[in-house]
PDB file of N, CA and C in Angstrom:
ATOM      1  N   UNK A   1     -57.777 -46.238 -50.658  1.00  0.00           N
ATOM      2  CA  UNK A   1     -56.670 -46.264 -49.917  1.00  0.00           C
ATOM      3  C   UNK A   1     -55.395 -46.193 -51.059  1.00  0.00           C
ATOM      4  N   UNK A   2     -54.414 -45.613 -50.712  1.00  0.00           N
ATOM      5  CA  UNK A   2     -53.480 -45.273 -51.350  1.00  0.00           C
ATOM      6  C   UNK A   2     -52.298 -46.400 -51.438  1.00  0.00           C
ATOM      7  N   UNK A   3     -51.176 -46.223 -52.225  1.00  0.00           N
ATOM      8  CA  UNK A   3     -50.297 -47.255 -52.301  1.00  0.00           C
ATOM      9  C   UNK A   3     -49.683 -47.322 -51.006  1.00  0.00           C
ATOM     10  N   UNK A   4     -49.151 -48.609 -50.723  1.00  0.00           N
ATOM     11  CA  UNK A   4     -48.421 -49.029 -49.465  1.00  0.00           C
ATOM     12  C   UNK A   4     -47.016 -49.267 -49.780  1.00  0.00           C
ATOM     13  N   UNK A   5     -45.972 -48.532 -49.135  1.00  0.00           N
ATOM     14  CA  UNK A   5     -44.496 -48.776 -49.346  1.00  0.00           C
ATOM     15  C   UNK A   5     -44.150 -50.123 -48.663  1.00  0.00           C
ATOM     16  N   UNK A   6     -43.481 -51.010 -49.210  1.00  0.00           N
ATOM     17  CA  UNK A   6     -43.103 -52.195 -48.571  1.00  0.00           C
ATOM     18  C   UNK A   6     -41.972 -52.187 -47.784  1.00  0.00           C
ATOM     19  N   UNK A   7     -41.654 -52.901 -46.777  1.00  0.00           N
ATOM     20  CA  UNK A   7     -40.422 -52.919 -46.132  1.00  0.00           C
ATOM     21  C   UNK A   7     -39.297 -53.184 -47.087  1.00  0.00           C
ATOM     22  N   UNK A   8     -39.425 -54.040 -48.051  1.00  0.00           N
ATOM     23  CA  UNK A   8     -38.128 -54.221 -48.954  1.00  0.00           C
ATOM     24  C   UNK A   8     -37.990 -52.958 -49.793  1.00  0.00           C
ATOM     25  N   UNK A   9     -39.028 -52.220 -50.054  1.00  0.00           N
ATOM     26  CA  UNK A   9     -38.672 -50.989 -50.859  1.00  0.00           C
ATOM     27  C   UNK A   9     -37.939 -49.898 -49.702  1.00  0.00           C
ATOM     28  N   UNK A  10     -38.487 -49.899 -48.572  1.00  0.00           N
ATOM     29  CA  UNK A  10     -37.756 -49.031 -47.590  1.00  0.00           C
ATOM     30  C   UNK A  10     -36.283 -49.473 -47.417  1.00  0.00           C
ATOM     31  N   UNK A  11     -36.078 -50.785 -47.328  1.00  0.00           N
ATOM     32  CA  UNK A  11     -34.423 -51.303 -47.126  1.00  0.00           C
ATOM     33  C   UNK A  11     -33.761 -50.952 -48.476  1.00  0.00           C
ATOM     34  N   UNK A  12     -34.257 -51.094 -49.614  1.00  0.00           N
ATOM     35  CA  UNK A  12     -33.575 -50.586 -50.738  1.00  0.00           C
ATOM     36  C   UNK A  12     -33.184 -49.305 -50.858  1.00  0.00           C
ATOM     37  N   UNK A  13     -33.825 -48.265 -50.373  1.00  0.00           N
ATOM     38  CA  UNK A  13     -33.697 -46.776 -50.308  1.00  0.00           C
ATOM     39  C   UNK A  13     -32.802 -46.742 -49.214  1.00  0.00           C
ATOM     40  N   UNK A  14     -32.775 -47.286 -48.065  1.00  0.00           N
ATOM     41  CA  UNK A  14     -31.797 -47.206 -46.943  1.00  0.00           C
ATOM     42  C   UNK A  14     -30.273 -47.534 -47.456  1.00  0.00           C
ATOM     43  N   UNK A  15     -30.297 -48.682 -48.438  1.00  0.00           N
ATOM     44  CA  UNK A  15     -29.080 -49.080 -49.023  1.00  0.00           C
ATOM     45  C   UNK A  15     -28.488 -48.143 -50.114  1.00  0.00           C
ATOM     46  N   UNK A  16     -29.379 -47.402 -50.692  1.00  0.00           N
ATOM     47  CA  UNK A  16     -28.919 -46.437 -51.600  1.00  0.00           C
ATOM     48  C   UNK A  16     -28.590 -45.004 -50.990  1.00  0.00           C
ATOM     49  N   UNK A  17     -29.423 -44.482 -50.037  1.00  0.00           N
ATOM     50  CA  UNK A  17     -29.204 -43.092 -49.715  1.00  0.00           C
ATOM     51  C   UNK A  17     -28.868 -43.019 -48.112  1.00  0.00           C
ATOM     52  N   UNK A  18     -28.025 -42.056 -47.837  1.00  0.00           N
ATOM     53  CA  UNK A  18     -27.813 -41.693 -46.607  1.00  0.00           C
ATOM     54  C   UNK A  18     -29.125 -40.831 -46.172  1.00  0.00           C
ATOM     55  N   UNK A  19     -29.841 -41.162 -45.181  1.00  0.00           N
ATOM     56  CA  UNK A  19     -30.923 -40.362 -44.738  1.00  0.00           C
ATOM     57  C   UNK A  19     -30.754 -39.524 -43.421  1.00  0.00           C
ATOM     58  N   UNK A  20     -31.000 -38.362 -43.690  1.00  0.00           N
ATOM     59  CA  UNK A  20     -30.890 -37.423 -42.689  1.00  0.00           C
ATOM     60  C   UNK A  20     -32.247 -37.444 -41.874  1.00  0.00           C
ATOM     61  N   UNK A  21     -32.416 -37.294 -40.726  1.00  0.00           N
ATOM     62  CA  UNK A  21     -33.611 -37.271 -39.984  1.00  0.00           C
ATOM     63  C   UNK A  21     -34.628 -38.447 -40.505  1.00  0.00           C
ATOM     64  N   UNK A  22     -33.933 -39.718 -40.148  1.00  0.00           N
ATOM     65  CA  UNK A  22     -34.298 -40.941 -40.791  1.00  0.00           C
ATOM     66  C   UNK A  22     -35.861 -41.163 -40.744  1.00  0.00           C
ATOM     67  N   UNK A  23     -36.645 -41.015 -39.503  1.00  0.00           N
ATOM     68  CA  UNK A  23     -38.008 -41.347 -39.244  1.00  0.00           C
ATOM     69  C   UNK A  23     -38.650 -40.332 -40.054  1.00  0.00           C
ATOM     70  N   UNK A  24     -38.350 -38.849 -40.001  1.00  0.00           N
ATOM     71  CA  UNK A  24     -39.121 -37.921 -40.448  1.00  0.00           C
ATOM     72  C   UNK A  24     -39.148 -38.234 -42.119  1.00  0.00           C
ATOM     73  N   UNK A  25     -37.937 -38.574 -42.830  1.00  0.00           N
ATOM     74  CA  UNK A  25     -37.944 -38.774 -44.058  1.00  0.00           C
ATOM     75  C   UNK A  25     -38.803 -40.073 -44.551  1.00  0.00           C
ATOM     76  N   UNK A  26     -38.564 -41.166 -43.744  1.00  0.00           N
ATOM     77  CA  UNK A  26     -39.352 -42.297 -44.143  1.00  0.00           C
ATOM     78  C   UNK A  26     -40.966 -42.080 -44.113  1.00  0.00           C
ATOM     79  N   UNK A  27     -41.338 -41.147 -43.000  1.00  0.00           N
ATOM     80  CA  UNK A  27     -42.631 -40.809 -42.936  1.00  0.00           C
ATOM     81  C   UNK A  27     -43.435 -39.966 -43.940  1.00  0.00           C
ATOM     82  N   UNK A  28     -42.488 -39.165 -44.265  1.00  0.00           N
ATOM     83  CA  UNK A  28     -42.782 -38.445 -45.603  1.00  0.00           C
ATOM     84  C   UNK A  28     -42.815 -39.084 -46.885  1.00  0.00           C
ATOM     85  N   UNK A  29     -41.895 -40.038 -47.059  1.00  0.00           N
ATOM     86  CA  UNK A  29     -42.065 -40.967 -48.285  1.00  0.00           C
ATOM     87  C   UNK A  29     -43.382 -41.952 -48.201  1.00  0.00           C
ATOM     88  N   UNK A  30     -43.651 -42.213 -47.065  1.00  0.00           N
ATOM     89  CA  UNK A  30     -44.794 -43.053 -46.696  1.00  0.00           C
ATOM     90  C   UNK A  30     -45.994 -42.247 -47.209  1.00  0.00           C
ATOM     91  N   UNK A  31     -45.951 -41.195 -46.835  1.00  0.00           N
ATOM     92  CA  UNK A  31     -47.018 -40.044 -47.003  1.00  0.00           C
ATOM     93  C   UNK A  31     -47.242 -39.788 -48.763  1.00  0.00           C
ATOM     94  N   UNK A  32     -46.057 -40.006 -49.184  1.00  0.00           N
ATOM     95  CA  UNK A  32     -45.979 -39.534 -50.712  1.00  0.00           C
ATOM     96  C   UNK A  32     -45.492 -40.816 -51.356  1.00  0.00           C
ATOM     97  N   UNK A  33     -46.178 -41.871 -51.470  1.00  0.00           N
ATOM     98  CA  UNK A  33     -45.282 -43.124 -52.155  1.00  0.00           C
ATOM     99  C   UNK A  33     -45.114 -42.974 -53.505  1.00  0.00           C
ATOM    100  N   UNK A  34     -45.853 -42.079 -54.323  1.00  0.00           N
ATOM    101  CA  UNK A  34     -45.477 -41.797 -55.547  1.00  0.00           C
ATOM    102  C   UNK A  34     -43.793 -41.346 -55.919  1.00  0.00           C
ATOM    103  N   UNK A  35     -43.380 -40.932 -54.894  1.00  0.00           N
ATOM    104  CA  UNK A  35     -41.760 -40.757 -54.899  1.00  0.00           C
ATOM    105  C   UNK A  35     -41.144 -41.847 -54.803  1.00  0.00           C
ATOM    106  N   UNK A  36     -41.192 -42.999 -54.602  1.00  0.00           N
ATOM    107  CA  UNK A  36     -40.497 -44.272 -54.406  1.00  0.00           C
ATOM    108  C   UNK A  36     -40.010 -44.484 -55.853  1.00  0.00           C
ATOM    109  N   UNK A  37     -40.712 -44.582 -56.956  1.00  0.00           N
ATOM    110  CA  UNK A  37     -40.185 -45.040 -58.178  1.00  0.00           C
ATOM    111  C   UNK A  37     -39.122 -44.008 -58.707  1.00  0.00           C
ATOM    112  N   UNK A  38     -39.211 -42.568 -58.377  1.00  0.00           N
ATOM    113  CA  UNK A  38     -38.244 -41.666 -58.571  1.00  0.00           C
ATOM    114  C   UNK A  38     -37.113 -41.929 -57.845  1.00  0.00           C
ATOM    115  N   UNK A  39     -37.333 -42.281 -56.619  1.00  0.00           N
ATOM    116  CA  UNK A  39     -35.909 -42.510 -55.774  1.00  0.00           C
ATOM    117  C   UNK A  39     -35.265 -43.697 -56.190  1.00  0.00           C
ATOM    118  N   UNK A  40     -36.086 -44.659 -56.626  1.00  0.00           N
ATOM    119  CA  UNK A  40     -35.366 -45.909 -57.217  1.00  0.00           C
ATOM    120  C   UNK A  40     -34.557 -45.833 -58.643  1.00  0.00           C
ATOM    121  N   UNK A  41     -35.092 -44.930 -59.393  1.00  0.00           N
ATOM    122  CA  UNK A  41     -34.545 -44.450 -60.788  1.00  0.00           C
ATOM    123  C   UNK A  41     -33.416 -43.513 -60.446  1.00  0.00           C
ATOM    124  N   UNK A  42     -33.479 -42.689 -59.776  1.00  0.00           N
ATOM    125  CA  UNK A  42     -32.619 -41.504 -59.859  1.00  0.00           C
ATOM    126  C   UNK A  42     -31.244 -41.846 -59.753  1.00  0.00           C
ATOM    127  N   UNK A  43     -30.779 -42.880 -58.933  1.00  0.00           N
ATOM    128  CA  UNK A  43     -29.240 -43.371 -58.724  1.00  0.00           C
ATOM    129  C   UNK A  43     -28.586 -43.591 -60.048  1.00  0.00           C
ATOM    130  N   UNK A  44     -29.425 -44.360 -60.841  1.00  0.00           N
ATOM    131  CA  UNK A  44     -28.876 -44.906 -62.109  1.00  0.00           C
ATOM    132  C   UNK A  44     -28.504 -43.499 -63.086  1.00  0.00           C
ATOM    133  N   UNK A  45     -29.467 -42.639 -63.158  1.00  0.00           N
ATOM    134  CA  UNK A  45     -29.096 -41.347 -63.980  1.00  0.00           C
ATOM    135  C   UNK A  45     -28.088 -40.596 -63.425  1.00  0.00           C
ATOM    136  N   UNK A  46     -28.080 -40.428 -62.082  1.00  0.00           N
ATOM    137  CA  UNK A  46     -27.064 -39.441 -61.445  1.00  0.00           C
ATOM    138  C   UNK A  46     -25.636 -40.061 -61.472  1.00  0.00           C
ATOM    139  N   UNK A  47     -25.506 -41.272 -61.361  1.00  0.00           N
ATOM    140  CA  UNK A  47     -24.246 -41.957 -61.536  1.00  0.00           C
ATOM    141  C   UNK A  47     -23.622 -41.617 -62.870  1.00  0.00           C
ATOM    142  N   UNK A  48     -24.273 -41.538 -63.961  1.00  0.00           N
ATOM    143  CA  UNK A  48     -23.802 -41.291 -65.285  1.00  0.00           C
ATOM    144  C   UNK A  48     -22.907 -40.145 -65.313  1.00  0.00           C
ATOM    145  N   UNK A  49     -23.432 -39.035 -64.464  1.00  0.00           N
ATOM    146  CA  UNK A  49     -22.910 -37.601 -64.566  1.00  0.00           C
ATOM    147  C   UNK A  49     -21.955 -37.472 -63.293  1.00  0.00           C
ATOM    148  N   UNK A  50     -22.289 -38.317 -62.073  1.00  0.00           N
ATOM    149  CA  UNK A  50     -21.593 -38.187 -60.912  1.00  0.00           C
ATOM    150  C   UNK A  50     -21.191 -39.491 -60.240  1.00  0.00           C
ATOM    151  N   UNK A  51     -20.183 -40.274 -61.002  1.00  0.00           N
ATOM    152  CA  UNK A  51     -20.089 -41.206 -60.489  1.00  0.00           C
ATOM    153  C   UNK A  51     -19.427 -41.277 -59.134  1.00  0.00           C
ATOM    154  N   UNK A  52     -19.592 -42.366 -58.321  1.00  0.00           N
ATOM    155  CA  UNK A  52     -18.986 -42.362 -57.066  1.00  0.00           C
ATOM    156  C   UNK A  52     -19.385 -41.345 -55.968  1.00  0.00           C
ATOM    157  N   UNK A  53     -20.634 -40.815 -56.206  1.00  0.00           N
ATOM    158  CA  UNK A  53     -21.059 -39.981 -55.559  1.00  0.00           C
ATOM    159  C   UNK A  53     -22.115 -40.129 -54.120  1.00  0.00           C
ATOM    160  N   UNK A  54     -22.006 -39.430 -53.134  1.00  0.00           N
ATOM    161  CA  UNK A  54     -22.733 -39.793 -52.198  1.00  0.00           C
ATOM    162  C   UNK A  54     -24.062 -39.125 -52.064  1.00  0.00           C
ATOM    163  N   UNK A  55     -24.976 -39.999 -52.198  1.00  0.00           N
ATOM    164  CA  UNK A  55     -26.313 -39.558 -52.200  1.00  0.00           C
ATOM    165  C   UNK A  55     -27.197 -39.834 -50.886  1.00  0.00           C
ATOM    166  N   UNK A  56     -27.673 -38.476 -50.633  1.00  0.00           N
ATOM    167  CA  UNK A  56     -28.639 -38.226 -49.234  1.00  0.00           C
ATOM    168  C   UNK A  56     -29.904 -37.669 -49.413  1.00  0.00           C
ATOM    169  N   UNK A  57     -30.823 -38.024 -48.548  1.00  0.00           N
ATOM    170  CA  UNK A  57     -31.968 -37.528 -48.382  1.00  0.00           C
ATOM    171  C   UNK A  57     -32.308 -36.750 -47.397  1.00  0.00           C
ATOM    172  N   UNK A  58     -33.004 -35.540 -47.520  1.00  0.00           N
ATOM    173  CA  UNK A  58     -33.380 -34.738 -46.396  1.00  0.00           C
ATOM    174  C   UNK A  58     -34.635 -33.935 -46.538  1.00  0.00           C
ATOM    175  N   UNK A  59     -35.217 -33.653 -45.583  1.00  0.00           N
ATOM    176  CA  UNK A  59     -36.587 -32.667 -45.679  1.00  0.00           C
ATOM    177  C   UNK A  59     -36.091 -31.189 -45.576  1.00  0.00           C
ATOM    178  N   UNK A  60     -36.634 -30.295 -46.482  1.00  0.00           N
ATOM    179  CA  UNK A  60     -36.396 -29.111 -46.413  1.00  0.00           C
ATOM    180  C   UNK A  60     -37.768 -28.298 -46.320  1.00  0.00           C
ATOM    181  N   UNK A  61     -38.012 -27.457 -45.567  1.00  0.00           N
ATOM    182  CA  UNK A  61     -39.254 -26.773 -45.509  1.00  0.00           C
ATOM    183  C   UNK A  61     -38.891 -25.159 -45.987  1.00  0.00           C
ATOM    184  N   UNK A  62     -39.536 -24.482 -46.795  1.00  0.00           N
ATOM    185  CA  UNK A  62     -39.388 -23.284 -47.291  1.00  0.00           C
ATOM    186  C   UNK A  62     -40.095 -22.296 -46.221  1.00  0.00           C
ATOM    187  N   UNK A  63     -39.321 -21.558 -45.522  1.00  0.00           N
ATOM    188  CA  UNK A  63     -39.907 -20.932 -44.222  1.00  0.00           C
ATOM    189  C   UNK A  63     -40.864 -19.764 -44.976  1.00  0.00           C
ATOM    190  N   UNK A  64     -40.831 -19.375 -46.045  1.00  0.00           N
ATOM    191  CA  UNK A  64     -41.755 -18.425 -46.550  1.00  0.00           C
ATOM    192  C   UNK A  64     -42.926 -18.944 -47.189  1.00  0.00           C
ATOM    193  N   UNK A  65     -43.054 -20.176 -47.299  1.00  0.00           N
ATOM    194  CA  UNK A  65     -44.247 -20.866 -47.958  1.00  0.00           C
ATOM    195  C   UNK A  65     -44.708 -21.731 -46.942  1.00  0.00           C
ATOM    196  N   UNK A  66     -46.098 -21.573 -46.158  1.00  0.00           N
ATOM    197  CA  UNK A  66     -46.437 -22.562 -45.302  1.00  0.00           C
ATOM    198  C   UNK A  66     -46.659 -24.012 -45.782  1.00  0.00           C
ATOM    199  N   UNK A  67     -46.291 -24.968 -45.240  1.00  0.00           N
ATOM    200  CA  UNK A  67     -46.540 -26.507 -45.430  1.00  0.00           C
ATOM    201  C   UNK A  67     -46.040 -26.674 -46.817  1.00  0.00           C
ATOM    202  N   UNK A  68     -44.806 -26.209 -47.232  1.00  0.00           N
ATOM    203  CA  UNK A  68     -44.167 -26.401 -48.355  1.00  0.00           C
ATOM    204  C   UNK A  68     -42.797 -27.227 -47.941  1.00  0.00           C
ATOM    205  N   UNK A  69     -42.934 -28.417 -47.655  1.00  0.00           N
ATOM    206  CA  UNK A  69     -41.880 -29.518 -47.399  1.00  0.00           C
ATOM    207  C   UNK A  69     -41.527 -30.299 -48.527  1.00  0.00           C
ATOM    208  N   UNK A  70     -40.311 -30.300 -48.763  1.00  0.00           N
ATOM    209  CA  UNK A  70     -39.897 -31.161 -49.943  1.00  0.00           C
ATOM    210  C   UNK A  70     -39.029 -32.225 -49.486  1.00  0.00           C
ATOM    211  N   UNK A  71     -38.780 -33.132 -50.096  1.00  0.00           N
ATOM    212  CA  UNK A  71     -37.797 -34.099 -50.080  1.00  0.00           C
ATOM    213  C   UNK A  71     -36.639 -33.953 -51.027  1.00  0.00           C
ATOM    214  N   UNK A  72     -35.436 -33.630 -50.459  1.00  0.00           N
ATOM    215  CA  UNK A  72     -34.206 -33.251 -51.263  1.00  0.00           C
ATOM    216  C   UNK A  72     -33.383 -34.221 -51.533  1.00  0.00           C
ATOM    217  N   UNK A  73     -33.142 -34.687 -52.766  1.00  0.00           N
ATOM    218  CA  UNK A  73     -31.996 -35.771 -53.026  1.00  0.00           C
ATOM    219  C   UNK A  73     -30.581 -34.824 -53.225  1.00  0.00           C
ATOM    220  N   UNK A  74     -29.805 -35.001 -52.352  1.00  0.00           N
ATOM    221  CA  UNK A  74     -28.628 -34.420 -52.383  1.00  0.00           C
ATOM    222  C   UNK A  74     -27.491 -35.086 -53.067  1.00  0.00           C
ATOM    223  N   UNK A  75     -26.782 -34.401 -54.143  1.00  0.00           N
ATOM    224  CA  UNK A  75     -25.978 -35.145 -54.889  1.00  0.00           C
ATOM    225  C   UNK A  75     -24.583 -34.528 -54.403  1.00  0.00           C
ATOM    226  N   UNK A  76     -24.088 -35.559 -53.745  1.00  0.00           N
ATOM    227  CA  UNK A  76     -22.515 -34.957 -53.118  1.00  0.00           C
ATOM    228  C   UNK A  76     -21.520 -35.138 -54.102  1.00  0.00           C
ATOM    229  N   UNK A  77     -20.698 -34.043 -54.228  1.00  0.00           N
ATOM    230  CA  UNK A  77     -19.751 -33.958 -55.309  1.00  0.00           C
ATOM    231  C   UNK A  77     -18.621 -33.346 -54.930  1.00  0.00           C
ATOM    232  N   UNK A  78     -17.377 -33.639 -55.387  1.00  0.00           N
ATOM    233  CA  UNK A  78     -16.065 -33.095 -55.153  1.00  0.00           C
ATOM    234  C   UNK A  78     -15.651 -32.096 -56.569  1.00  0.00           C
ATOM    235  N   UNK A  79     -16.620 -32.308 -57.355  1.00  0.00           N
ATOM    236  CA  UNK A  79     -16.236 -31.482 -58.650  1.00  0.00           C
ATOM    237  C   UNK A  79     -16.068 -30.024 -58.349  1.00  0.00           C
ATOM    238  N   UNK A  80     -15.329 -29.260 -59.152  1.00  0.00           N
ATOM    239  CA  UNK A  80     -15.335 -27.902 -58.915  1.00  0.00           C
ATOM    240  C   UNK A  80     -16.654 -27.343 -59.525  1.00  0.00           C
ATOM    241  N   UNK A  81     -17.339 -26.174 -59.010  1.00  0.00           N
ATOM    242  CA  UNK A  81     -18.473 -25.754 -59.175  1.00  0.00           C
ATOM    243  C   UNK A  81     -18.747 -25.631 -60.585  1.00  0.00           C
ATOM    244  N   UNK A  82     -17.953 -25.246 -61.496  1.00  0.00           N
ATOM    245  CA  UNK A  82     -18.409 -24.947 -62.879  1.00  0.00           C
ATOM    246  C   UNK A  82     -18.751 -26.385 -63.384  1.00  0.00           C
ATOM    247  N   UNK A  83     -17.855 -27.509 -63.320  1.00  0.00           N
ATOM    248  CA  UNK A  83     -18.175 -28.866 -63.828  1.00  0.00           C
ATOM    249  C   UNK A  83     -19.248 -29.543 -63.264  1.00  0.00           C
ATOM    250  N   UNK A  84     -19.487 -29.152 -61.865  1.00  0.00           N
ATOM    251  CA  UNK A  84     -20.592 -29.868 -61.201  1.00  0.00           C
ATOM    252  C   UNK A  84     -21.908 -29.198 -61.814  1.00  0.00           C
ATOM    253  N   UNK A  85     -21.950 -27.848 -62.111  1.00  0.00           N
ATOM    254  CA  UNK A  85     -23.173 -27.209 -62.580  1.00  0.00           C
ATOM    255  C   UNK A  85     -23.629 -27.569 -64.039  1.00  0.00           C
ATOM    256  N   UNK A  86     -22.468 -27.972 -65.050  1.00  0.00           N
ATOM    257  CA  UNK A  86     -22.745 -28.201 -66.094  1.00  0.00           C
ATOM    258  C   UNK A  86     -23.224 -29.794 -66.211  1.00  0.00           C
ATOM    259  N   UNK A  87     -22.491 -30.637 -65.406  1.00  0.00           N
ATOM    260  CA  UNK A  87     -23.272 -32.038 -65.174  1.00  0.00           C
ATOM    261  C   UNK A  87     -24.598 -32.025 -64.714  1.00  0.00           C
ATOM    262  N   UNK A  88     -24.881 -31.063 -63.763  1.00  0.00           N
ATOM    263  CA  UNK A  88     -26.296 -31.018 -63.329  1.00  0.00           C
ATOM    264  C   UNK A  88     -27.162 -30.646 -64.337  1.00  0.00           C
ATOM    265  N   UNK A  89     -26.650 -29.785 -65.373  1.00  0.00           N
ATOM    266  CA  UNK A  89     -27.528 -29.169 -66.220  1.00  0.00           C
ATOM    267  C   UNK A  89     -27.939 -30.536 -67.288  1.00  0.00           C
ATOM    268  N   UNK A  90     -26.810 -31.341 -67.483  1.00  0.00           N
ATOM    269  CA  UNK A  90     -26.964 -32.605 -68.513  1.00  0.00           C
ATOM    270  C   UNK A  90     -27.981 -33.596 -67.802  1.00  0.00           C
ATOM    271  N   UNK A  91     -27.714 -33.656 -66.576  1.00  0.00           N
ATOM    272  CA  UNK A  91     -28.601 -34.606 -65.662  1.00  0.00           C
ATOM    273  C   UNK A  91     -30.148 -34.052 -65.982  1.00  0.00           C
ATOM    274  N   UNK A  92     -30.464 -32.825 -65.704  1.00  0.00           N
ATOM    275  CA  UNK A  92     -31.778 -32.175 -65.741  1.00  0.00           C
ATOM    276  C   UNK A  92     -32.146 -32.574 -67.153  1.00  0.00           C
ATOM    277  N   UNK A  93     -31.453 -32.161 -68.102  1.00  0.00           N
ATOM    278  CA  UNK A  93     -32.075 -32.449 -69.552  1.00  0.00           C
ATOM    279  C   UNK A  93     -32.313 -33.844 -69.801  1.00  0.00           C
ATOM    280  N   UNK A  94     -31.460 -34.741 -69.364  1.00  0.00           N
ATOM    281  CA  UNK A  94     -31.523 -36.219 -69.623  1.00  0.00           C
ATOM    282  C   UNK A  94     -32.553 -36.834 -69.046  1.00  0.00           C
ATOM    283  N   UNK A  95     -32.848 -36.436 -67.747  1.00  0.00           N
ATOM    284  CA  UNK A  95     -33.897 -37.318 -66.713  1.00  0.00           C
ATOM    285  C   UNK A  95     -34.865 -36.232 -66.204  1.00  0.00           C
ATOM    286  N   UNK A  96     -33.998 -35.475 -65.296  1.00  0.00           N
ATOM    287  CA  UNK A  96     -35.058 -34.705 -64.370  1.00  0.00           C
ATOM    288  C   UNK A  96     -36.177 -33.974 -64.963  1.00  0.00           C
ATOM    289  N   UNK A  97     -35.862 -33.027 -65.858  1.00  0.00           N
ATOM    290  CA  UNK A  97     -36.923 -32.269 -66.435  1.00  0.00           C
ATOM    291  C   UNK A  97     -38.279 -33.040 -66.862  1.00  0.00           C
ATOM    292  N   UNK A  98     -37.827 -34.100 -67.477  1.00  0.00           N
ATOM    293  CA  UNK A  98     -38.920 -35.040 -67.834  1.00  0.00           C
ATOM    294  C   UNK A  98     -39.692 -35.740 -66.826  1.00  0.00           C
ATOM    295  N   UNK A  99     -39.200 -35.739 -65.643  1.00  0.00           N
ATOM    296  CA  UNK A  99     -39.792 -36.499 -64.488  1.00  0.00           C
ATOM    297  C   UNK A  99     -40.431 -35.470 -63.409  1.00  0.00           C
ATOM    298  N   UNK A 100     -40.046 -34.191 -63.640  1.00  0.00           N
ATOM    299  CA  UNK A 100     -40.389 -33.308 -62.647  1.00  0.00           C
ATOM    300  C   UNK A 100     -41.941 -33.327 -62.038  1.00  0.00           C
ATOM    301  N   UNK A 101     -42.837 -33.642 -63.240  1.00  0.00           N
ATOM    302  CA  UNK A 101     -44.330 -33.395 -62.900  1.00  0.00           C
ATOM    303  C   UNK A 101     -44.596 -34.886 -62.052  1.00  0.00           C
ATOM    304  N   UNK A 102     -43.879 -36.044 -62.267  1.00  0.00           N
ATOM    305  CA  UNK A 102     -44.101 -37.096 -61.421  1.00  0.00           C
ATOM    306  C   UNK A 102     -43.714 -36.823 -59.907  1.00  0.00           C
ATOM    307  N   UNK A 103     -42.764 -35.738 -59.659  1.00  0.00           N
ATOM    308  CA  UNK A 103     -42.677 -35.445 -58.279  1.00  0.00           C
ATOM    309  C   UNK A 103     -43.530 -34.741 -57.702  1.00  0.00           C
ATOM    310  N   UNK A 104     -44.581 -34.350 -58.277  1.00  0.00           N
ATOM    311  CA  UNK A 104     -45.745 -33.300 -57.736  1.00  0.00           C
ATOM    312  C   UNK A 104     -45.232 -32.242 -56.762  1.00  0.00           C
ATOM    313  N   UNK A 105     -44.113 -31.578 -56.986  1.00  0.00           N
ATOM    314  CA  UNK A 105     -43.561 -30.571 -56.190  1.00  0.00           C
ATOM    315  C   UNK A 105     -43.338 -31.104 -54.778  1.00  0.00           C
ATOM    316  N   UNK A 106     -42.981 -32.294 -54.640  1.00  0.00           N
ATOM    317  CA  UNK A 106     -42.637 -32.799 -53.396  1.00  0.00           C
ATOM    318  C   UNK A 106     -41.044 -33.302 -53.374  1.00  0.00           C
ATOM    319  N   UNK A 107     -40.380 -33.190 -54.353  1.00  0.00           N
ATOM    320  CA  UNK A 107     -39.125 -33.809 -54.516  1.00  0.00           C
ATOM    321  C   UNK A 107     -38.242 -32.881 -55.282  1.00  0.00           C
ATOM    322  N   UNK A 108     -37.138 -32.783 -54.795  1.00  0.00           N
ATOM    323  CA  UNK A 108     -36.078 -31.737 -55.778  1.00  0.00           C
ATOM    324  C   UNK A 108     -34.743 -32.471 -55.577  1.00  0.00           C
ATOM    325  N   UNK A 109     -33.886 -32.208 -56.576  1.00  0.00           N
ATOM    326  CA  UNK A 109     -32.511 -32.508 -56.783  1.00  0.00           C
ATOM    327  C   UNK A 109     -31.564 -31.172 -56.322  1.00  0.00           C
ATOM    328  N   UNK A 110     -30.555 -31.471 -55.588  1.00  0.00           N
ATOM    329  CA  UNK A 110     -29.530 -30.367 -55.281  1.00  0.00           C
ATOM    330  C   UNK A 110     -28.175 -30.971 -55.261  1.00  0.00           C
ATOM    331  N   UNK A 111     -27.303 -30.094 -55.656  1.00  0.00           N
ATOM    332  CA  UNK A 111     -25.835 -30.517 -55.465  1.00  0.00           C
ATOM    333  C   UNK A 111     -25.470 -30.074 -53.887  1.00  0.00           C
ATOM    334  N   UNK A 112     -24.605 -31.010 -53.417  1.00  0.00           N
ATOM    335  CA  UNK A 112     -23.999 -30.646 -52.178  1.00  0.00           C
ATOM    336  C   UNK A 112     -22.374 -30.868 -52.468  1.00  0.00           C
ATOM    337  N   UNK A 113     -21.712 -29.779 -52.115  1.00  0.00           N
ATOM    338  CA  UNK A 113     -20.362 -29.565 -52.585  1.00  0.00           C
ATOM    339  C   UNK A 113     -19.543 -30.196 -51.134  1.00  0.00           C
ATOM    340  N   UNK A 114     -18.852 -31.135 -51.465  1.00  0.00           N
ATOM    341  CA  UNK A 114     -17.943 -31.981 -50.457  1.00  0.00           C
ATOM    342  C   UNK A 114     -16.633 -31.244 -50.168  1.00  0.00           C
TER     343      UNK A 114
END
């Protein structure tokens, strides 16, 4: 039997993230419990580059690839595009690229311009 996500872990994620399609997202996380540590770590790294950001979670399915649904962590930003892209690159180098393998192609970061 795989790892079980506790109610306190769910509640901590709900306190950190705005969750679109709440039940579907939580179901996806329960089916992929290895994502929980990444979701718990990500805000600390993201805040270094995007302070006071809005973080949200949503499921995205690639229409061209069957069964390719991923959990997207959207980083809401009011920065201009160039500055945001530079900060995203720094975040990628600092944390994300070293942790992509842990995500098992089920999790992705994305910028959301507010």
